């Protein structure tokens, strides 16, 4: 199934959750927020939310600085 992750088209398996995708990409501990089609997905939903074909997923991380 094709989705767009942070601007790149990617193939993911059917029935993958946001949590599965984050683990697969090795960024589970680095991501602070997730948006699918410009809608924030709450962290407590990452284990059950399954993107659909064509969805646009953004993984957002925050860094401090000064």
PDB file of N, CA and C in Angstrom:
ATOM      1  N   UNK A   1       0.853  -1.161   0.000  1.00  0.00           N
ATOM      2  CA  UNK A   1       0.000   0.000   0.000  1.00  0.00           C
ATOM      3  C   UNK A   1       0.905   1.232   0.000  1.00  0.00           C
ATOM      4  N   UNK A   2       0.590   2.196  -0.844  1.00  0.00           N
ATOM      5  CA  UNK A   2       1.408   3.409  -0.943  1.00  0.00           C
ATOM      6  C   UNK A   2       0.853   4.536  -0.074  1.00  0.00           C
ATOM      7  N   UNK A   3       1.768   5.137   0.702  1.00  0.00           N
ATOM      8  CA  UNK A   3       1.460   6.328   1.489  1.00  0.00           C
ATOM      9  C   UNK A   3       2.616   7.302   1.291  1.00  0.00           C
ATOM     10  N   UNK A   4       2.436   8.521   1.740  1.00  0.00           N
ATOM     11  CA  UNK A   4       3.517   9.505   1.710  1.00  0.00           C
ATOM     12  C   UNK A   4       3.921   9.776   3.150  1.00  0.00           C
ATOM     13  N   UNK A   5       5.208   9.557   3.445  1.00  0.00           N
ATOM     14  CA  UNK A   5       5.732   9.786   4.788  1.00  0.00           C
ATOM     15  C   UNK A   5       6.765  10.893   4.714  1.00  0.00           C
ATOM     16  N   UNK A   6       6.479  12.000   5.394  1.00  0.00           N
ATOM     17  CA  UNK A   6       7.364  13.171   5.390  1.00  0.00           C
ATOM     18  C   UNK A   6       7.803  13.542   3.973  1.00  0.00           C
ATOM     19  N   UNK A   7       6.838  13.540   3.057  1.00  0.00           N
ATOM     20  CA  UNK A   7       7.083  13.980   1.690  1.00  0.00           C
ATOM     21  C   UNK A   7       7.620  12.927   0.743  1.00  0.00           C
ATOM     22  N   UNK A   8       7.876  11.695   1.225  1.00  0.00           N
ATOM     23  CA  UNK A   8       8.400  10.625   0.371  1.00  0.00           C
ATOM     24  C   UNK A   8       7.369   9.516   0.228  1.00  0.00           C
ATOM     25  N   UNK A   9       7.139   9.090  -1.024  1.00  0.00           N
ATOM     26  CA  UNK A   9       6.220   7.971  -1.270  1.00  0.00           C
ATOM     27  C   UNK A   9       6.879   6.696  -0.759  1.00  0.00           C
ATOM     28  N   UNK A  10       6.131   5.930   0.025  1.00  0.00           N
ATOM     29  CA  UNK A  10       6.656   4.682   0.583  1.00  0.00           C
ATOM     30  C   UNK A  10       5.596   3.598   0.512  1.00  0.00           C
ATOM     31  N   UNK A  11       6.083   2.394   0.366  1.00  0.00           N
ATOM     32  CA  UNK A  11       5.225   1.217   0.388  1.00  0.00           C
ATOM     33  C   UNK A  11       5.216   0.686   1.820  1.00  0.00           C
ATOM     34  N   UNK A  12       4.020   0.497   2.385  1.00  0.00           N
ATOM     35  CA  UNK A  12       3.903  -0.120   3.701  1.00  0.00           C
ATOM     36  C   UNK A  12       2.959  -1.311   3.587  1.00  0.00           C
ATOM     37  N   UNK A  13       3.038  -2.211   4.566  1.00  0.00           N
ATOM     38  CA  UNK A  13       2.158  -3.375   4.576  1.00  0.00           C
ATOM     39  C   UNK A  13       0.748  -2.960   4.988  1.00  0.00           C
ATOM     40  N   UNK A  14      -0.234  -3.671   4.469  1.00  0.00           N
ATOM     41  CA  UNK A  14      -1.624  -3.456   4.882  1.00  0.00           C
ATOM     42  C   UNK A  14      -1.719  -3.693   6.384  1.00  0.00           C
ATOM     43  N   UNK A  15      -2.612  -3.000   7.038  1.00  0.00           N
ATOM     44  CA  UNK A  15      -2.895  -3.158   8.464  1.00  0.00           C
ATOM     45  C   UNK A  15      -1.780  -2.696   9.392  1.00  0.00           C
ATOM     46  N   UNK A  16      -0.768  -1.983   8.877  1.00  0.00           N
ATOM     47  CA  UNK A  16       0.255  -1.433   9.764  1.00  0.00           C
ATOM     48  C   UNK A  16      -0.344  -0.264  10.532  1.00  0.00           C
ATOM     49  N   UNK A  17       0.042  -0.154  11.792  1.00  0.00           N
ATOM     50  CA  UNK A  17      -0.384   0.989  12.596  1.00  0.00           C
ATOM     51  C   UNK A  17       0.712   2.052  12.541  1.00  0.00           C
ATOM     52  N   UNK A  18       0.397   3.230  13.035  1.00  0.00           N
ATOM     53  CA  UNK A  18       1.403   4.289  13.132  1.00  0.00           C
ATOM     54  C   UNK A  18       2.590   3.786  13.948  1.00  0.00           C
ATOM     55  N   UNK A  19       2.311   3.111  15.062  1.00  0.00           N
ATOM     56  CA  UNK A  19       3.374   2.572  15.912  1.00  0.00           C
ATOM     57  C   UNK A  19       4.249   1.590  15.137  1.00  0.00           C
ATOM     58  N   UNK A  20       3.641   0.710  14.340  1.00  0.00           N
ATOM     59  CA  UNK A  20       4.405  -0.243  13.520  1.00  0.00           C
ATOM     60  C   UNK A  20       5.332   0.491  12.555  1.00  0.00           C
ATOM     61  N   UNK A  21       4.829   1.529  11.921  1.00  0.00           N
ATOM     62  CA  UNK A  21       5.627   2.291  10.952  1.00  0.00           C
ATOM     63  C   UNK A  21       6.792   2.974  11.652  1.00  0.00           C
ATOM     64  N   UNK A  22       6.534   3.586  12.808  1.00  0.00           N
ATOM     65  CA  UNK A  22       7.598   4.252  13.563  1.00  0.00           C
ATOM     66  C   UNK A  22       8.690   3.264  13.957  1.00  0.00           C
ATOM     67  N   UNK A  23       8.296   2.087  14.422  1.00  0.00           N
ATOM     68  CA  UNK A  23       9.271   1.056  14.795  1.00  0.00           C
ATOM     69  C   UNK A  23      10.052   0.596  13.574  1.00  0.00           C
ATOM     70  N   UNK A  24       9.347   0.383  12.463  1.00  0.00           N
ATOM     71  CA  UNK A  24       9.983  -0.068  11.226  1.00  0.00           C
ATOM     72  C   UNK A  24      11.023   0.939  10.739  1.00  0.00           C
ATOM     73  N   UNK A  25      10.745   2.216  10.909  1.00  0.00           N
ATOM     74  CA  UNK A  25      11.668   3.272  10.485  1.00  0.00           C
ATOM     75  C   UNK A  25      12.751   3.555  11.528  1.00  0.00           C
ATOM     76  N   UNK A  26      12.622   2.959  12.713  1.00  0.00           N
ATOM     77  CA  UNK A  26      13.605   3.155  13.770  1.00  0.00           C
ATOM     78  C   UNK A  26      13.562   4.525  14.416  1.00  0.00           C
ATOM     79  N   UNK A  27      12.395   5.146  14.430  1.00  0.00           N
ATOM     80  CA  UNK A  27      12.283   6.497  14.996  1.00  0.00           C
ATOM     81  C   UNK A  27      11.239   6.586  16.112  1.00  0.00           C
ATOM     82  N   UNK A  28      10.857   5.452  16.670  1.00  0.00           N
ATOM     83  CA  UNK A  28       9.807   5.429  17.688  1.00  0.00           C
ATOM     84  C   UNK A  28      10.092   6.396  18.834  1.00  0.00           C
ATOM     85  N   UNK A  29      11.336   6.466  19.296  1.00  0.00           N
ATOM     86  CA  UNK A  29      11.675   7.307  20.449  1.00  0.00           C
ATOM     87  C   UNK A  29      11.954   8.757  20.082  1.00  0.00           C
ATOM     88  N   UNK A  30      12.037   9.061  18.787  1.00  0.00           N
ATOM     89  CA  UNK A  30      12.400  10.410  18.354  1.00  0.00           C
ATOM     90  C   UNK A  30      11.200  11.262  17.951  1.00  0.00           C
ATOM     91  N   UNK A  31      10.077  10.624  17.681  1.00  0.00           N
ATOM     92  CA  UNK A  31       8.902  11.341  17.184  1.00  0.00           C
ATOM     93  C   UNK A  31       8.042  11.820  18.349  1.00  0.00           C
ATOM     94  N   UNK A  32       7.641  13.080  18.290  1.00  0.00           N
ATOM     95  CA  UNK A  32       6.827  13.669  19.345  1.00  0.00           C
ATOM     96  C   UNK A  32       5.372  13.868  18.913  1.00  0.00           C
ATOM     97  N   UNK A  33       5.137  13.974  17.607  1.00  0.00           N
ATOM     98  CA  UNK A  33       3.776  14.194  17.109  1.00  0.00           C
ATOM     99  C   UNK A  33       3.628  13.535  15.743  1.00  0.00           C
ATOM    100  N   UNK A  34       2.408  13.108  15.452  1.00  0.00           N
ATOM    101  CA  UNK A  34       2.097  12.480  14.170  1.00  0.00           C
ATOM    102  C   UNK A  34       0.845  13.146  13.610  1.00  0.00           C
ATOM    103  N   UNK A  35       0.900  13.474  12.322  1.00  0.00           N
ATOM    104  CA  UNK A  35      -0.279  13.997  11.630  1.00  0.00           C
ATOM    105  C   UNK A  35      -0.537  13.131  10.402  1.00  0.00           C
ATOM    106  N   UNK A  36      -1.787  12.801  10.172  1.00  0.00           N
ATOM    107  CA  UNK A  36      -2.196  12.067   8.978  1.00  0.00           C
ATOM    108  C   UNK A  36      -3.210  12.946   8.263  1.00  0.00           C
ATOM    109  N   UNK A  37      -2.878  13.305   7.025  1.00  0.00           N
ATOM    110  CA  UNK A  37      -3.729  14.196   6.236  1.00  0.00           C
ATOM    111  C   UNK A  37      -4.044  15.485   7.003  1.00  0.00           C
ATOM    112  N   UNK A  38      -3.003  16.033   7.623  1.00  0.00           N
ATOM    113  CA  UNK A  38      -3.063  17.318   8.335  1.00  0.00           C
ATOM    114  C   UNK A  38      -3.875  17.261   9.636  1.00  0.00           C
ATOM    115  N   UNK A  39      -4.193  16.064  10.118  1.00  0.00           N
ATOM    116  CA  UNK A  39      -4.923  15.898  11.376  1.00  0.00           C
ATOM    117  C   UNK A  39      -4.013  15.186  12.379  1.00  0.00           C
ATOM    118  N   UNK A  40      -3.839  15.775  13.558  1.00  0.00           N
ATOM    119  CA  UNK A  40      -2.997  15.177  14.590  1.00  0.00           C
ATOM    120  C   UNK A  40      -3.605  13.850  15.052  1.00  0.00           C
ATOM    121  N   UNK A  41      -2.746  12.836  15.191  1.00  0.00           N
ATOM    122  CA  UNK A  41      -3.151  11.549  15.753  1.00  0.00           C
ATOM    123  C   UNK A  41      -2.585  11.500  17.172  1.00  0.00           C
ATOM    124  N   UNK A  42      -3.448  11.346  18.159  1.00  0.00           N
ATOM    125  CA  UNK A  42      -3.014  11.318  19.555  1.00  0.00           C
ATOM    126  C   UNK A  42      -2.095  10.125  19.799  1.00  0.00           C
ATOM    127  N   UNK A  43      -1.109  10.327  20.665  1.00  0.00           N
ATOM    128  CA  UNK A  43      -0.123   9.281  20.948  1.00  0.00           C
ATOM    129  C   UNK A  43      -0.789   7.983  21.413  1.00  0.00           C
ATOM    130  N   UNK A  44      -1.850   8.094  22.194  1.00  0.00           N
ATOM    131  CA  UNK A  44      -2.526   6.884  22.675  1.00  0.00           C
ATOM    132  C   UNK A  44      -3.237   6.123  21.551  1.00  0.00           C
ATOM    133  N   UNK A  45      -3.354   6.723  20.364  1.00  0.00           N
ATOM    134  CA  UNK A  45      -3.983   6.061  19.217  1.00  0.00           C
ATOM    135  C   UNK A  45      -2.965   5.446  18.258  1.00  0.00           C
ATOM    136  N   UNK A  46      -1.671   5.703  18.472  1.00  0.00           N
ATOM    137  CA  UNK A  46      -0.652   5.219  17.541  1.00  0.00           C
ATOM    138  C   UNK A  46      -0.685   3.702  17.374  1.00  0.00           C
ATOM    139  N   UNK A  47      -1.025   2.963  18.433  1.00  0.00           N
ATOM    140  CA  UNK A  47      -1.040   1.507  18.366  1.00  0.00           C
ATOM    141  C   UNK A  47      -2.246   0.926  17.654  1.00  0.00           C
ATOM    142  N   UNK A  48      -3.248   1.747  17.378  1.00  0.00           N
ATOM    143  CA  UNK A  48      -4.457   1.242  16.717  1.00  0.00           C
ATOM    144  C   UNK A  48      -4.775   1.952  15.401  1.00  0.00           C
ATOM    145  N   UNK A  49      -4.221   3.142  15.185  1.00  0.00           N
ATOM    146  CA  UNK A  49      -4.539   3.915  13.977  1.00  0.00           C
ATOM    147  C   UNK A  49      -3.842   3.300  12.766  1.00  0.00           C
ATOM    148  N   UNK A  50      -4.620   2.925  11.759  1.00  0.00           N
ATOM    149  CA  UNK A  50      -4.086   2.330  10.536  1.00  0.00           C
ATOM    150  C   UNK A  50      -4.290   3.285   9.362  1.00  0.00           C
ATOM    151  N   UNK A  51      -3.192   3.797   8.798  1.00  0.00           N
ATOM    152  CA  UNK A  51      -3.317   4.663   7.621  1.00  0.00           C
ATOM    153  C   UNK A  51      -3.945   3.907   6.452  1.00  0.00           C
ATOM    154  N   UNK A  52      -4.507   4.679   5.541  1.00  0.00           N
ATOM    155  CA  UNK A  52      -5.123   4.122   4.333  1.00  0.00           C
ATOM    156  C   UNK A  52      -4.285   4.475   3.107  1.00  0.00           C
ATOM    157  N   UNK A  53      -4.525   3.758   2.034  1.00  0.00           N
ATOM    158  CA  UNK A  53      -3.854   4.013   0.756  1.00  0.00           C
ATOM    159  C   UNK A  53      -3.930   5.498   0.418  1.00  0.00           C
ATOM    160  N   UNK A  54      -2.784   6.087   0.089  1.00  0.00           N
ATOM    161  CA  UNK A  54      -2.733   7.476  -0.337  1.00  0.00           C
ATOM    162  C   UNK A  54      -2.625   8.503   0.780  1.00  0.00           C
ATOM    163  N   UNK A  55      -2.684   8.055   2.038  1.00  0.00           N
ATOM    164  CA  UNK A  55      -2.586   9.007   3.151  1.00  0.00           C
ATOM    165  C   UNK A  55      -1.238   9.718   3.152  1.00  0.00           C
ATOM    166  N   UNK A  56      -1.247  10.934   3.681  1.00  0.00           N
ATOM    167  CA  UNK A  56      -0.027  11.726   3.857  1.00  0.00           C
ATOM    168  C   UNK A  56       0.268  11.769   5.353  1.00  0.00           C
ATOM    169  N   UNK A  57       1.389  11.155   5.730  1.00  0.00           N
ATOM    170  CA  UNK A  57       1.766  11.023   7.133  1.00  0.00           C
ATOM    171  C   UNK A  57       2.976  11.898   7.401  1.00  0.00           C
ATOM    172  N   UNK A  58       2.900  12.664   8.467  1.00  0.00           N
ATOM    173  CA  UNK A  58       4.031  13.503   8.881  1.00  0.00           C
ATOM    174  C   UNK A  58       4.434  13.101  10.288  1.00  0.00           C
ATOM    175  N   UNK A  59       5.717  12.757  10.459  1.00  0.00           N
ATOM    176  CA  UNK A  59       6.283  12.479  11.770  1.00  0.00           C
ATOM    177  C   UNK A  59       7.091  13.701  12.168  1.00  0.00           C
ATOM    178  N   UNK A  60       6.733  14.283  13.287  1.00  0.00           N
ATOM    179  CA  UNK A  60       7.352  15.529  13.722  1.00  0.00           C
ATOM    180  C   UNK A  60       8.157  15.307  14.991  1.00  0.00           C
ATOM    181  N   UNK A  61       9.408  15.740  14.959  1.00  0.00           N
ATOM    182  CA  UNK A  61      10.261  15.696  16.136  1.00  0.00           C
ATOM    183  C   UNK A  61      10.634  17.112  16.516  1.00  0.00           C
ATOM    184  N   UNK A  62      10.895  17.315  17.772  1.00  0.00           N
ATOM    185  CA  UNK A  62      11.237  18.652  18.246  1.00  0.00           C
ATOM    186  C   UNK A  62      12.618  18.626  18.878  1.00  0.00           C
ATOM    187  N   UNK A  63      13.385  19.667  18.611  1.00  0.00           N
ATOM    188  CA  UNK A  63      14.698  19.800  19.223  1.00  0.00           C
ATOM    189  C   UNK A  63      14.781  21.148  19.913  1.00  0.00           C
ATOM    190  N   UNK A  64      15.465  21.144  21.025  1.00  0.00           N
ATOM    191  CA  UNK A  64      15.648  22.395  21.757  1.00  0.00           C
ATOM    192  C   UNK A  64      16.872  23.129  21.245  1.00  0.00           C
ATOM    193  N   UNK A  65      16.944  24.353  21.534  1.00  0.00           N
ATOM    194  CA  UNK A  65      18.090  25.140  21.107  1.00  0.00           C
ATOM    195  C   UNK A  65      17.987  26.541  21.684  1.00  0.00           C
ATOM    196  N   UNK A  66      19.005  27.270  21.411  1.00  0.00           N
ATOM    197  CA  UNK A  66      18.912  28.603  21.970  1.00  0.00           C
ATOM    198  C   UNK A  66      19.842  29.573  21.313  1.00  0.00           C
TER     199      UNK A  66
END
